[in-house]
Amino acid sequence: MTDFFKKWLRTQVKYFASTLIPVMLILGFGMLAVTFWPPFAWGSTAIFALAVIAVTVWLV
């Protein structure tokens, strides 16, 4: 039973790390970009999103 729980918990943590954390980082960066440098918000957020996705794929 504990082995099943450990596998399930590891799967949940991996899912959380590979989806929710990058989404929160991208949204947070987008909000900061719109606030502090509006003319470059779309471009800088897109570049940041690609970097975060690349790092996530590389790590997971």
PDB file of N, CA and C in Angstrom:
ATOM      1  N   MET A   1       0.821  -1.192   0.000  1.00  0.00           N
ATOM      2  CA  MET A   1       0.000   0.000   0.000  1.00  0.00           C
ATOM      3  C   MET A   1       0.872   1.267   0.000  1.00  0.00           C
ATOM      4  N   THR A   2       1.926   1.269   0.783  1.00  0.00           N
ATOM      5  CA  THR A   2       2.783   2.456   0.826  1.00  0.00           C
ATOM      6  C   THR A   2       3.530   2.637  -0.490  1.00  0.00           C
ATOM      7  N   ASP A   3       3.863   1.531  -1.173  1.00  0.00           N
ATOM      8  CA  ASP A   3       4.527   1.631  -2.469  1.00  0.00           C
ATOM      9  C   ASP A   3       3.594   2.292  -3.485  1.00  0.00           C
ATOM     10  N   PHE A   4       2.325   1.903  -3.467  1.00  0.00           N
ATOM     11  CA  PHE A   4       1.345   2.514  -4.355  1.00  0.00           C
ATOM     12  C   PHE A   4       1.213   4.006  -4.050  1.00  0.00           C
ATOM     13  N   PHE A   5       1.165   4.358  -2.777  1.00  0.00           N
ATOM     14  CA  PHE A   5       1.035   5.760  -2.390  1.00  0.00           C
ATOM     15  C   PHE A   5       2.256   6.560  -2.822  1.00  0.00           C
ATOM     16  N   LYS A   6       3.450   5.989  -2.680  1.00  0.00           N
ATOM     17  CA  LYS A   6       4.673   6.688  -3.096  1.00  0.00           C
ATOM     18  C   LYS A   6       4.686   6.920  -4.604  1.00  0.00           C
ATOM     19  N   LYS A   7       4.274   5.921  -5.377  1.00  0.00           N
ATOM     20  CA  LYS A   7       4.222   6.077  -6.831  1.00  0.00           C
ATOM     21  C   LYS A   7       3.188   7.135  -7.221  1.00  0.00           C
ATOM     22  N   TRP A   8       2.038   7.102  -6.564  1.00  0.00           N
ATOM     23  CA  TRP A   8       0.989   8.072  -6.859  1.00  0.00           C
ATOM     24  C   TRP A   8       1.440   9.485  -6.504  1.00  0.00           C
ATOM     25  N   LEU A   9       2.079   9.642  -5.355  1.00  0.00           N
ATOM     26  CA  LEU A   9       2.553  10.954  -4.932  1.00  0.00           C
ATOM     27  C   LEU A   9       3.647  11.465  -5.866  1.00  0.00           C
ATOM     28  N   ARG A  10       4.536  10.602  -6.303  1.00  0.00           N
ATOM     29  CA  ARG A  10       5.585  10.992  -7.238  1.00  0.00           C
ATOM     30  C   ARG A  10       4.973  11.449  -8.571  1.00  0.00           C
ATOM     31  N   THR A  11       3.944  10.763  -9.030  1.00  0.00           N
ATOM     32  CA  THR A  11       3.255  11.152 -10.264  1.00  0.00           C
ATOM     33  C   THR A  11       2.598  12.520 -10.102  1.00  0.00           C
ATOM     34  N   GLN A  12       1.972  12.755  -8.961  1.00  0.00           N
ATOM     35  CA  GLN A  12       1.311  14.033  -8.723  1.00  0.00           C
ATOM     36  C   GLN A  12       2.317  15.187  -8.664  1.00  0.00           C
ATOM     37  N   VAL A  13       3.430  14.963  -8.003  1.00  0.00           N
ATOM     38  CA  VAL A  13       4.463  16.004  -7.903  1.00  0.00           C
ATOM     39  C   VAL A  13       5.058  16.296  -9.274  1.00  0.00           C
ATOM     40  N   LYS A  14       5.282  15.256 -10.059  1.00  0.00           N
ATOM     41  CA  LYS A  14       5.815  15.439 -11.408  1.00  0.00           C
ATOM     42  C   LYS A  14       4.826  16.223 -12.271  1.00  0.00           C
ATOM     43  N   TYR A  15       3.550  15.897 -12.165  1.00  0.00           N
ATOM     44  CA  TYR A  15       2.525  16.630 -12.908  1.00  0.00           C
ATOM     45  C   TYR A  15       2.490  18.097 -12.475  1.00  0.00           C
ATOM     46  N   PHE A  16       2.533  18.338 -11.177  1.00  0.00           N
ATOM     47  CA  PHE A  16       2.510  19.701 -10.655  1.00  0.00           C
ATOM     48  C   PHE A  16       3.722  20.483 -11.144  1.00  0.00           C
ATOM     49  N   ALA A  17       4.885  19.860 -11.085  1.00  0.00           N
ATOM     50  CA  ALA A  17       6.113  20.540 -11.485  1.00  0.00           C
ATOM     51  C   ALA A  17       6.145  20.807 -12.984  1.00  0.00           C
ATOM     52  N   SER A  18       5.545  19.943 -13.772  1.00  0.00           N
ATOM     53  CA  SER A  18       5.645  20.103 -15.222  1.00  0.00           C
ATOM     54  C   SER A  18       4.523  20.932 -15.825  1.00  0.00           C
ATOM     55  N   THR A  19       3.480  21.231 -15.094  1.00  0.00           N
ATOM     56  CA  THR A  19       2.381  22.009 -15.677  1.00  0.00           C
ATOM     57  C   THR A  19       2.056  23.278 -14.895  1.00  0.00           C
ATOM     58  N   LEU A  20       1.776  23.145 -13.638  1.00  0.00           N
ATOM     59  CA  LEU A  20       1.268  24.289 -12.896  1.00  0.00           C
ATOM     60  C   LEU A  20       2.333  25.341 -12.589  1.00  0.00           C
ATOM     61  N   ILE A  21       3.527  24.909 -12.228  1.00  0.00           N
ATOM     62  CA  ILE A  21       4.593  25.874 -11.918  1.00  0.00           C
ATOM     63  C   ILE A  21       4.965  26.703 -13.144  1.00  0.00           C
ATOM     64  N   PRO A  22       5.181  26.092 -14.329  1.00  0.00           N
ATOM     65  CA  PRO A  22       5.472  26.923 -15.504  1.00  0.00           C
ATOM     66  C   PRO A  22       4.336  27.877 -15.873  1.00  0.00           C
ATOM     67  N   VAL A  23       3.104  27.432 -15.740  1.00  0.00           N
ATOM     68  CA  VAL A  23       1.973  28.309 -16.056  1.00  0.00           C
ATOM     69  C   VAL A  23       1.951  29.501 -15.112  1.00  0.00           C
ATOM     70  N   MET A  24       2.178  29.258 -13.831  1.00  0.00           N
ATOM     71  CA  MET A  24       2.192  30.367 -12.868  1.00  0.00           C
ATOM     72  C   MET A  24       3.352  31.319 -13.143  1.00  0.00           C
ATOM     73  N   LEU A  25       4.510  30.782 -13.506  1.00  0.00           N
ATOM     74  CA  LEU A  25       5.658  31.643 -13.838  1.00  0.00           C
ATOM     75  C   LEU A  25       5.377  32.502 -15.069  1.00  0.00           C
ATOM     76  N   ILE A  26       4.797  31.905 -16.094  1.00  0.00           N
ATOM     77  CA  ILE A  26       4.513  32.647 -17.328  1.00  0.00           C
ATOM     78  C   ILE A  26       3.472  33.727 -17.079  1.00  0.00           C
ATOM     79  N   LEU A  27       2.408  33.394 -16.358  1.00  0.00           N
ATOM     80  CA  LEU A  27       1.384  34.398 -16.062  1.00  0.00           C
ATOM     81  C   LEU A  27       1.938  35.515 -15.189  1.00  0.00           C
ATOM     82  N   GLY A  28       2.730  35.166 -14.203  1.00  0.00           N
ATOM     83  CA  GLY A  28       3.340  36.183 -13.342  1.00  0.00           C
ATOM     84  C   GLY A  28       4.258  37.100 -14.121  1.00  0.00           C
ATOM     85  N   PHE A  29       5.080  36.527 -14.997  1.00  0.00           N
ATOM     86  CA  PHE A  29       5.969  37.350 -15.811  1.00  0.00           C
ATOM     87  C   PHE A  29       5.161  38.240 -16.755  1.00  0.00           C
ATOM     88  N   GLY A  30       4.086  37.701 -17.318  1.00  0.00           N
ATOM     89  CA  GLY A  30       3.241  38.510 -18.198  1.00  0.00           C
ATOM     90  C   GLY A  30       2.620  39.695 -17.475  1.00  0.00           C
ATOM     91  N   MET A  31       2.171  39.479 -16.252  1.00  0.00           N
ATOM     92  CA  MET A  31       1.593  40.586 -15.485  1.00  0.00           C
ATOM     93  C   MET A  31       2.652  41.638 -15.160  1.00  0.00           C
ATOM     94  N   LEU A  32       3.842  41.202 -14.808  1.00  0.00           N
ATOM     95  CA  LEU A  32       4.923  42.159 -14.550  1.00  0.00           C
ATOM     96  C   LEU A  32       5.322  42.904 -15.822  1.00  0.00           C
ATOM     97  N   ALA A  33       5.348  42.203 -16.947  1.00  0.00           N
ATOM     98  CA  ALA A  33       5.726  42.841 -18.208  1.00  0.00           C
ATOM     99  C   ALA A  33       4.720  43.916 -18.595  1.00  0.00           C
ATOM    100  N   VAL A  34       3.444  43.636 -18.435  1.00  0.00           N
ATOM    101  CA  VAL A  34       2.421  44.630 -18.772  1.00  0.00           C
ATOM    102  C   VAL A  34       2.519  45.830 -17.838  1.00  0.00           C
ATOM    103  N   THR A  35       2.864  45.581 -16.591  1.00  0.00           N
ATOM    104  CA  THR A  35       2.946  46.665 -15.617  1.00  0.00           C
ATOM    105  C   THR A  35       4.157  47.559 -15.849  1.00  0.00           C
ATOM    106  N   PHE A  36       5.317  46.977 -16.084  1.00  0.00           N
ATOM    107  CA  PHE A  36       6.548  47.760 -16.085  1.00  0.00           C
ATOM    108  C   PHE A  36       7.061  48.156 -17.473  1.00  0.00           C
ATOM    109  N   TRP A  37       6.822  47.367 -18.488  1.00  0.00           N
ATOM    110  CA  TRP A  37       7.254  47.758 -19.836  1.00  0.00           C
ATOM    111  C   TRP A  37       6.216  47.307 -20.867  1.00  0.00           C
ATOM    112  N   PRO A  38       5.092  48.043 -20.951  1.00  0.00           N
ATOM    113  CA  PRO A  38       3.992  47.685 -21.852  1.00  0.00           C
ATOM    114  C   PRO A  38       4.369  47.539 -23.331  1.00  0.00           C
ATOM    115  N   PRO A  39       5.249  48.371 -23.880  1.00  0.00           N
ATOM    116  CA  PRO A  39       5.538  48.206 -25.314  1.00  0.00           C
ATOM    117  C   PRO A  39       6.185  46.861 -25.663  1.00  0.00           C
ATOM    118  N   PHE A  40       6.850  46.251 -24.708  1.00  0.00           N
ATOM    119  CA  PHE A  40       7.564  45.004 -24.980  1.00  0.00           C
ATOM    120  C   PHE A  40       6.906  43.795 -24.314  1.00  0.00           C
ATOM    121  N   ALA A  41       5.687  43.956 -23.811  1.00  0.00           N
ATOM    122  CA  ALA A  41       5.064  42.908 -22.994  1.00  0.00           C
ATOM    123  C   ALA A  41       4.846  41.608 -23.776  1.00  0.00           C
ATOM    124  N   TRP A  42       4.265  41.696 -24.970  1.00  0.00           N
ATOM    125  CA  TRP A  42       3.969  40.473 -25.718  1.00  0.00           C
ATOM    126  C   TRP A  42       5.237  39.728 -26.106  1.00  0.00           C
ATOM    127  N   GLY A  43       6.200  40.451 -26.638  1.00  0.00           N
ATOM    128  CA  GLY A  43       7.428  39.802 -27.089  1.00  0.00           C
ATOM    129  C   GLY A  43       8.236  39.194 -25.959  1.00  0.00           C
ATOM    130  N   SER A  44       8.398  39.954 -24.879  1.00  0.00           N
ATOM    131  CA  SER A  44       9.192  39.440 -23.768  1.00  0.00           C
ATOM    132  C   SER A  44       8.491  38.268 -23.080  1.00  0.00           C
ATOM    133  N   THR A  45       7.163  38.312 -22.998  1.00  0.00           N
ATOM    134  CA  THR A  45       6.431  37.205 -22.386  1.00  0.00           C
ATOM    135  C   THR A  45       6.526  35.956 -23.260  1.00  0.00           C
ATOM    136  N   ALA A  46       6.464  36.128 -24.560  1.00  0.00           N
ATOM    137  CA  ALA A  46       6.584  34.977 -25.464  1.00  0.00           C
ATOM    138  C   ALA A  46       7.969  34.343 -25.353  1.00  0.00           C
ATOM    139  N   ILE A  47       9.007  35.166 -25.306  1.00  0.00           N
ATOM    140  CA  ILE A  47      10.365  34.635 -25.167  1.00  0.00           C
ATOM    141  C   ILE A  47      10.529  33.944 -23.815  1.00  0.00           C
ATOM    142  N   PHE A  48       9.994  34.548 -22.766  1.00  0.00           N
ATOM    143  CA  PHE A  48      10.066  33.938 -21.445  1.00  0.00           C
ATOM    144  C   PHE A  48       9.299  32.611 -21.420  1.00  0.00           C
ATOM    145  N   ALA A  49       8.132  32.577 -22.062  1.00  0.00           N
ATOM    146  CA  ALA A  49       7.340  31.346 -22.101  1.00  0.00           C
ATOM    147  C   ALA A  49       8.103  30.230 -22.813  1.00  0.00           C
ATOM    148  N   LEU A  50       8.734  30.553 -23.927  1.00  0.00           N
ATOM    149  CA  LEU A  50       9.524  29.535 -24.637  1.00  0.00           C
ATOM    150  C   LEU A  50      10.682  29.032 -23.780  1.00  0.00           C
ATOM    151  N   ALA A  51      11.329  29.946 -23.062  1.00  0.00           N
ATOM    152  CA  ALA A  51      12.431  29.543 -22.194  1.00  0.00           C
ATOM    153  C   ALA A  51      11.938  28.639 -21.057  1.00  0.00           C
ATOM    154  N   VAL A  52      10.819  28.998 -20.452  1.00  0.00           N
ATOM    155  CA  VAL A  52      10.278  28.191 -19.347  1.00  0.00           C
ATOM    156  C   VAL A  52       9.857  26.818 -19.860  1.00  0.00           C
ATOM    157  N   ILE A  53       9.218  26.769 -21.010  1.00  0.00           N
ATOM    158  CA  ILE A  53       8.797  25.480 -21.569  1.00  0.00           C
ATOM    159  C   ILE A  53      10.012  24.627 -21.908  1.00  0.00           C
ATOM    160  N   ALA A  54      11.049  25.240 -22.470  1.00  0.00           N
ATOM    161  CA  ALA A  54      12.259  24.493 -22.805  1.00  0.00           C
ATOM    162  C   ALA A  54      12.929  23.922 -21.553  1.00  0.00           C
ATOM    163  N   VAL A  55      13.015  24.729 -20.507  1.00  0.00           N
ATOM    164  CA  VAL A  55      13.627  24.244 -19.262  1.00  0.00           C
ATOM    165  C   VAL A  55      12.774  23.140 -18.642  1.00  0.00           C
ATOM    166  N   THR A  56      11.458  23.289 -18.708  1.00  0.00           N
ATOM    167  CA  THR A  56      10.568  22.265 -18.150  1.00  0.00           C
ATOM    168  C   THR A  56      10.720  20.948 -18.887  1.00  0.00           C
ATOM    169  N   VAL A  57      10.760  20.997 -20.212  1.00  0.00           N
ATOM    170  CA  VAL A  57      10.934  19.765 -20.996  1.00  0.00           C
ATOM    171  C   VAL A  57      12.292  19.145 -20.706  1.00  0.00           C
ATOM    172  N   TRP A  58      13.298  19.980 -20.545  1.00  0.00           N
ATOM    173  CA  TRP A  58      14.649  19.473 -20.277  1.00  0.00           C
ATOM    174  C   TRP A  58      14.728  18.821 -18.896  1.00  0.00           C
ATOM    175  N   LEU A  59      14.050  19.399 -17.900  1.00  0.00           N
ATOM    176  CA  LEU A  59      14.120  18.863 -16.541  1.00  0.00           C
ATOM    177  C   LEU A  59      13.223  17.651 -16.319  1.00  0.00           C
ATOM    178  N   VAL A  60      12.075  17.635 -16.952  1.00  0.00           N
ATOM    179  CA  VAL A  60      11.106  16.547 -16.701  1.00  0.00           C
ATOM    180  C   VAL A  60      11.109  15.584 -17.812  1.00  0.00           C
TER     181      VAL A  60
END
